[in-house]
Amino acid sequence: MKNYTSVKDIPSIEKALETAFEVKKNPFGFQHLGKNKTMVMVFFNSSLRTRLSTQKATMNLGMNTMVMNVNGDSWQLESEMGVVMDGDKPEHLLEAIPVIGRYCDVIGVRAFARFESREDDYSEKIINQFVNYAGVPVVSMEGATRHPLQSYADLVTIEEYKKVEKPKVVLSWAPHPRALPQAVANSFVEWMRETDYDLVVTHPEGYELAPEFMGDVKVEYDQKKAFEGADFIYAKNWSSYSEYGKVLSKDISWTVTEEKMALTNNAKFMHCLPVRRNVVVSDGVIDSPNSIVIDQAANREVTAQAVLKMILEG
């Protein structure tokens, strides 16, 4: 595996699961792969789980890690092509990226959607510049349109907790005070489409995801109907794709509550975190025994290590 920016980069879902459970069983058994290797983690945006889990994964593999927060630790970086650089950004990514690549064996990049241009965000301009110019493998630690490390962990978590071979998995939009990217939702749908799970997406009208991610996945606009018989509920907010980056609704009736979870097949509750309590989900749901958000977050270390293992082996 050369780079990791989407589910399309992994050999197969079966190989991904096999590698993740291999790593989970023996996290320190592959340090020969990482010995004397270095990963640089470049953050254009803030992070908690992604930074700590990925750094821990490198340590498990015996790798060295360097972390750079672009807006705090380095020069301001210009990403536009052909720009006259007479503003506040003294260095261009065209030079910064290959220089970073000379200092390491793998680069991890986290660069959110900017909501300035849907075309720019959906072309993954920042991630793809790293892929094109780094000269070393690149791992997406969340891009403008996908969060593949999160989705990989989501898959592993569902596999660990599922009680039937083909569980009903519901991705539910939930309210939020701010405009959030579609990356987690896009990526989750993209990964779930590679499985044989029964996937349903529920959201208010106007929050349809991009067609290239949704494919023929069923959309149910009645949240309570979508929850009926579900084995897993994954709550997540995202802003509008059609009216790009806009918050069209803050309807609190979409909050995941105990009443709605009672409609499910004793479903497990999932969220990528951080979560706004009593906005996205009630205290009663996220604090219940059926909440698996902490195990889901813990699997971020496992899947980051699995990705690095496949890259280093490749």
Protein backbone atom coordinates (compact mmCIF):
# COMPACT_ATOMS: atom_id res chain seq x y z
CA MET A 1 0.00 0.00 0.00
CA LYS A 2 1.59 3.26 -1.17
CA ASN A 3 -0.75 5.91 0.28
CA TYR A 4 -3.83 5.87 2.48
CA THR A 5 -6.49 8.45 1.70
CA SER A 6 -9.64 6.34 1.28
CA VAL A 7 -11.02 2.81 1.43
CA LYS A 8 -9.94 2.46 -2.19
CA ASP A 9 -6.31 2.30 -1.07
CA ILE A 10 -6.62 -0.84 1.06
CA PRO A 11 -6.18 -4.26 -0.57
CA SER A 12 -9.65 -5.37 0.60
CA ILE A 13 -12.03 -5.08 3.54
CA GLU A 14 -11.06 -8.62 4.52
CA LYS A 15 -7.35 -7.74 4.53
CA ALA A 16 -8.04 -4.57 6.51
CA LEU A 17 -9.91 -6.49 9.20
CA GLU A 18 -7.33 -9.27 9.28
CA THR A 19 -4.50 -6.74 9.75
CA ALA A 20 -6.37 -4.75 12.40
CA PHE A 21 -7.10 -7.82 14.53
CA GLU A 22 -3.55 -9.06 14.03
CA VAL A 23 -2.26 -5.74 15.37
CA LYS A 24 -4.78 -5.70 18.20
CA LYS A 25 -3.70 -9.16 19.32
CA ASN A 26 0.02 -8.35 19.18
CA PRO A 27 0.57 -4.55 19.14
CA PHE A 28 4.34 -4.73 19.75
CA GLY A 29 5.05 -7.64 17.46
CA PHE A 30 5.99 -5.65 14.36
CA GLN A 31 8.61 -3.22 15.63
CA HIS A 32 11.11 -4.53 13.09
CA LEU A 33 9.04 -2.75 10.43
CA GLY A 34 9.39 0.66 12.04
CA LYS A 35 12.92 0.50 13.36
CA ASN A 36 14.88 3.62 12.32
CA LYS A 37 11.83 4.91 10.41
CA THR A 38 10.21 8.31 11.02
CA MET A 39 6.69 9.66 10.55
CA VAL A 40 6.00 13.39 10.31
CA MET A 41 2.46 14.36 11.31
CA VAL A 42 1.35 17.66 9.76
CA PHE A 43 -1.71 19.30 11.30
CA PHE A 44 -3.50 22.14 9.56
CA ASN A 45 -6.33 21.63 12.08
CA SER A 46 -6.65 20.68 15.74
CA SER A 47 -6.88 17.12 16.98
CA LEU A 48 -7.11 14.92 20.06
CA ARG A 49 -7.82 11.28 19.10
CA THR A 50 -6.13 11.43 15.71
CA ARG A 51 -2.92 12.92 17.04
CA LEU A 52 -2.60 10.72 20.12
CA SER A 53 -3.73 7.47 18.48
CA THR A 54 -1.51 7.88 15.44
CA GLN A 55 1.50 8.86 17.52
CA LYS A 56 0.93 5.87 19.80
CA ALA A 57 0.62 3.63 16.73
CA THR A 58 4.02 4.79 15.47
CA MET A 59 5.54 4.10 18.89
CA ASN A 60 4.05 0.60 18.92
CA LEU A 61 5.79 -0.01 15.60
CA GLY A 62 9.12 1.32 16.87
CA MET A 63 8.99 4.45 14.71
CA ASN A 64 10.14 7.96 15.53
CA THR A 65 7.51 10.71 15.28
CA MET A 66 7.71 14.43 14.57
CA VAL A 67 4.62 16.63 14.86
CA MET A 68 4.13 19.98 13.13
CA ASN A 69 1.16 22.27 13.72
CA VAL A 70 1.17 24.40 10.60
CA ASN A 71 -0.50 27.47 12.08
CA GLY A 72 1.65 27.47 15.20
CA ASP A 73 4.98 25.72 14.64
CA SER A 74 5.94 26.69 11.09
CA TRP A 75 5.75 29.38 8.47
CA GLN A 76 2.30 30.09 7.10
CA LEU A 77 2.02 27.88 4.02
CA GLU A 78 0.57 28.92 0.68
CA SER A 79 -1.39 26.23 -1.20
CA GLU A 80 -2.68 28.12 -4.25
CA MET A 81 -0.90 27.56 -7.56
CA GLY A 82 0.38 30.52 -9.57
CA VAL A 83 -0.24 32.98 -6.76
CA VAL A 84 1.86 36.13 -6.32
CA MET A 85 3.22 35.55 -2.82
CA ASP A 86 3.21 39.11 -1.56
CA GLY A 87 0.91 38.41 1.40
CA ASP A 88 1.36 36.86 4.83
CA LYS A 89 2.42 33.37 3.64
CA PRO A 90 6.19 33.21 3.07
CA GLU A 91 6.47 29.54 2.03
CA HIS A 92 4.68 27.47 -0.58
CA LEU A 93 3.63 23.87 -0.17
CA LEU A 94 5.51 23.11 -3.39
CA GLU A 95 8.76 23.54 -1.46
CA ALA A 96 7.57 22.62 2.03
CA ILE A 97 6.14 19.22 1.08
CA PRO A 98 9.23 17.71 -0.61
CA VAL A 99 11.43 19.10 2.18
CA ILE A 100 9.26 17.39 4.79
CA GLY A 101 9.45 14.21 2.70
CA ARG A 102 13.26 14.27 2.90
CA TYR A 103 13.06 14.14 6.70
CA CYS A 104 10.83 11.09 7.04
CA ASP A 105 9.52 7.81 5.67
CA VAL A 106 5.77 8.52 6.03
CA ILE A 107 3.79 11.77 6.22
CA GLY A 108 0.41 12.07 7.94
CA VAL A 109 -1.72 15.08 6.98
CA ARG A 110 -4.82 16.56 8.60
CA ALA A 111 -6.51 19.31 6.53
CA PHE A 112 -10.23 20.02 6.96
CA ALA A 113 -12.66 21.47 4.46
CA ARG A 114 -12.36 25.25 4.34
CA PHE A 115 -15.94 25.87 3.08
CA GLU A 116 -14.62 28.56 0.73
CA SER A 117 -15.15 26.48 -2.41
CA ARG A 118 -16.87 23.11 -2.74
CA GLU A 119 -14.82 22.41 -5.86
CA ASP A 120 -11.55 23.04 -4.03
CA ASP A 121 -12.56 20.99 -0.99
CA TYR A 122 -13.86 18.05 -3.01
CA SER A 123 -10.69 17.99 -5.11
CA GLU A 124 -8.75 17.41 -1.84
CA LYS A 125 -6.26 20.05 -2.88
CA ILE A 126 -4.08 19.87 0.26
CA ILE A 127 -3.96 16.07 0.65
CA ASN A 128 -3.32 15.57 -3.06
CA GLN A 129 -0.44 18.05 -3.11
CA PHE A 130 1.22 15.95 -0.42
CA VAL A 131 0.56 12.77 -2.40
CA ASN A 132 1.98 14.33 -5.56
CA TYR A 133 5.07 16.03 -4.12
CA ALA A 134 6.10 14.25 -0.90
CA GLY A 135 8.11 11.43 -2.43
CA VAL A 136 7.08 9.19 0.51
CA PRO A 137 3.79 7.50 1.48
CA VAL A 138 1.04 9.83 2.71
CA VAL A 139 -1.65 8.98 5.26
CA SER A 140 -4.79 11.09 5.49
CA MET A 141 -5.47 11.95 9.12
CA GLU A 142 -8.70 13.56 7.83
CA GLY A 143 -9.12 15.46 4.64
CA ALA A 144 -11.79 17.79 3.33
CA THR A 145 -14.05 14.96 2.18
CA ARG A 146 -12.98 11.80 4.04
CA HIS A 147 -11.71 10.58 7.41
CA PRO A 148 -10.45 7.09 6.51
CA LEU A 149 -8.68 6.38 9.81
CA GLN A 150 -11.96 6.99 11.64
CA SER A 151 -14.00 4.87 9.24
CA TYR A 152 -11.56 1.99 9.52
CA ALA A 153 -11.93 2.11 13.31
CA ASP A 154 -15.72 2.27 12.92
CA LEU A 155 -15.65 -0.91 10.85
CA VAL A 156 -13.50 -2.76 13.38
CA THR A 157 -15.79 -1.66 16.21
CA ILE A 158 -18.92 -2.88 14.43
CA GLU A 159 -17.24 -6.21 13.67
CA GLU A 160 -16.38 -6.61 17.35
CA TYR A 161 -19.89 -5.87 18.58
CA LYS A 162 -22.19 -7.23 15.88
CA LYS A 163 -24.46 -10.11 16.92
CA VAL A 164 -25.76 -10.95 13.46
CA GLU A 165 -23.84 -11.44 10.23
CA LYS A 166 -25.62 -8.57 8.46
CA PRO A 167 -26.43 -5.90 11.06
CA LYS A 168 -28.62 -2.90 10.36
CA VAL A 169 -26.39 0.17 10.66
CA VAL A 170 -27.96 3.62 10.74
CA LEU A 171 -26.03 6.84 10.15
CA SER A 172 -28.11 9.61 11.64
CA TRP A 173 -27.64 13.33 11.16
CA ALA A 174 -27.88 15.22 14.46
CA PRO A 175 -28.04 18.94 15.26
CA HIS A 176 -24.98 21.08 15.95
CA PRO A 177 -24.45 24.82 16.47
CA ARG A 178 -21.64 25.06 13.89
CA ALA A 179 -21.11 24.08 10.28
CA LEU A 180 -19.17 20.82 10.21
CA PRO A 181 -17.60 19.06 7.19
CA GLN A 182 -19.14 16.03 5.52
CA ALA A 183 -15.86 14.09 5.82
CA VAL A 184 -16.81 11.61 8.58
CA ALA A 185 -20.24 10.92 7.09
CA ASN A 186 -18.89 10.57 3.53
CA SER A 187 -16.14 8.24 4.64
CA PHE A 188 -18.39 6.12 6.85
CA VAL A 189 -20.86 5.58 4.01
CA GLU A 190 -18.03 4.79 1.59
CA TRP A 191 -16.62 2.13 3.94
CA MET A 192 -20.00 0.63 4.80
CA ARG A 193 -20.78 0.24 1.10
CA GLU A 194 -17.82 -2.17 0.90
CA THR A 195 -19.49 -4.45 3.47
CA ASP A 196 -22.67 -6.49 3.33
CA TYR A 197 -24.26 -4.54 6.20
CA ASP A 198 -27.76 -3.12 5.86
CA LEU A 199 -26.92 0.61 5.79
CA VAL A 200 -29.55 3.34 6.19
CA VAL A 201 -28.81 7.07 6.25
CA THR A 202 -31.28 9.42 7.89
CA HIS A 203 -31.25 13.21 7.84
CA PRO A 204 -33.51 16.21 7.22
CA GLU A 205 -34.13 17.23 3.62
CA GLY A 206 -31.31 19.41 2.34
CA TYR A 207 -28.58 17.36 4.03
CA GLU A 208 -28.10 14.82 1.24
CA LEU A 209 -24.47 13.73 0.90
CA ALA A 210 -22.53 13.89 -2.37
CA PRO A 211 -23.79 11.32 -4.90
CA GLU A 212 -20.33 9.81 -5.38
CA PHE A 213 -20.35 8.76 -1.74
CA MET A 214 -24.00 7.75 -1.41
CA GLY A 215 -24.41 5.62 -4.52
CA ASP A 216 -27.63 3.66 -4.08
CA VAL A 217 -27.67 3.78 -0.26
CA LYS A 218 -31.17 4.18 1.15
CA VAL A 219 -32.10 7.56 2.65
CA GLU A 220 -34.90 7.63 5.21
CA TYR A 221 -36.08 11.13 6.10
CA ASP A 222 -38.10 9.89 9.08
CA GLN A 223 -35.49 9.38 11.81
CA LYS A 224 -37.70 7.26 14.05
CA LYS A 225 -38.59 4.96 11.17
CA ALA A 226 -34.90 4.61 10.32
CA PHE A 227 -34.12 3.59 13.90
CA GLU A 228 -36.61 0.72 13.93
CA GLY A 229 -34.79 -2.60 14.33
CA ALA A 230 -31.33 -1.05 14.05
CA ASP A 231 -28.30 -2.82 15.54
CA PHE A 232 -26.01 0.23 15.45
CA ILE A 233 -26.78 3.94 15.57
CA TYR A 234 -24.00 6.25 14.41
CA ALA A 235 -24.83 9.90 15.15
CA LYS A 236 -22.99 12.67 13.33
CA ASN A 237 -23.63 16.21 12.22
CA TRP A 238 -22.65 17.53 8.83
CA SER A 239 -23.41 20.75 6.98
CA SER A 240 -25.24 20.94 3.69
CA TYR A 241 -23.53 19.69 0.54
CA SER A 242 -26.02 21.22 -1.91
CA GLU A 243 -25.95 24.62 -0.16
CA TYR A 244 -22.32 24.06 0.60
CA GLY A 245 -21.19 24.53 4.17
CA LYS A 246 -24.48 26.02 5.35
CA VAL A 247 -26.39 25.09 8.53
CA LEU A 248 -29.93 24.60 7.28
CA SER A 249 -31.33 23.27 10.54
CA LYS A 250 -30.58 23.10 14.24
CA ASP A 251 -33.73 21.06 14.88
CA ILE A 252 -33.27 19.63 18.38
CA SER A 253 -35.87 16.96 17.63
CA TRP A 254 -33.08 15.12 15.77
CA THR A 255 -31.08 14.64 18.98
CA VAL A 256 -30.52 10.93 19.69
CA THR A 257 -32.50 10.16 22.86
CA GLU A 258 -33.42 7.15 24.99
CA GLU A 259 -36.90 7.23 23.44
CA LYS A 260 -35.46 6.81 19.96
CA MET A 261 -32.96 4.15 21.01
CA ALA A 262 -35.89 2.16 22.41
CA LEU A 263 -37.08 1.72 18.80
CA THR A 264 -33.91 -0.17 17.90
CA ASN A 265 -32.85 -3.77 18.33
CA ASN A 266 -31.01 -2.86 21.56
CA ALA A 267 -28.60 -0.94 19.32
CA LYS A 268 -25.10 0.14 20.17
CA PHE A 269 -24.52 3.90 20.04
CA MET A 270 -21.53 5.24 18.11
CA HIS A 271 -19.99 8.67 17.58
CA CYS A 272 -16.53 9.72 16.38
CA LEU A 273 -16.09 12.33 19.18
CA PRO A 274 -15.89 15.06 20.26
CA VAL A 275 -19.63 15.18 20.86
CA ARG A 276 -21.95 17.94 22.05
CA ARG A 277 -23.95 16.33 24.87
CA ASN A 278 -27.68 17.02 24.88
CA VAL A 279 -27.38 18.49 21.40
CA VAL A 280 -26.20 15.53 19.31
CA VAL A 281 -27.03 12.89 21.92
CA SER A 282 -28.61 12.84 25.36
CA ASP A 283 -26.60 12.06 28.48
CA GLY A 284 -28.77 9.01 29.01
CA VAL A 285 -27.74 7.48 25.68
CA ILE A 286 -24.02 8.27 25.65
CA ASP A 287 -23.63 7.19 29.29
CA SER A 288 -25.60 3.97 28.81
CA PRO A 289 -24.07 0.47 28.69
CA ASN A 290 -24.89 0.40 24.96
CA SER A 291 -22.63 3.37 24.23
CA ILE A 292 -19.41 2.12 22.62
CA VAL A 293 -17.85 5.49 21.82
CA ILE A 294 -14.80 4.88 24.04
CA ASP A 295 -14.05 1.50 22.49
CA GLN A 296 -14.58 3.09 19.09
CA ALA A 297 -12.02 5.78 19.95
CA ALA A 298 -9.59 3.17 21.32
CA ASN A 299 -9.71 1.37 17.98
CA ARG A 300 -8.25 4.47 16.35
CA GLU A 301 -4.84 3.37 17.65
CA VAL A 302 -5.34 -0.11 16.24
CA THR A 303 -6.34 1.00 12.77
CA ALA A 304 -3.66 3.70 12.54
CA GLN A 305 -1.11 1.01 13.34
CA ALA A 306 -2.68 -1.37 10.83
CA VAL A 307 -2.44 1.28 8.10
CA LEU A 308 1.22 1.97 8.91
CA LYS A 309 1.97 -1.73 9.03
CA MET A 310 0.53 -2.23 5.53
CA ILE A 311 2.47 0.77 4.22
CA LEU A 312 5.76 -0.30 5.78
CA GLU A 313 5.31 -3.85 4.51
CA GLY A 314 4.60 -2.50 1.04
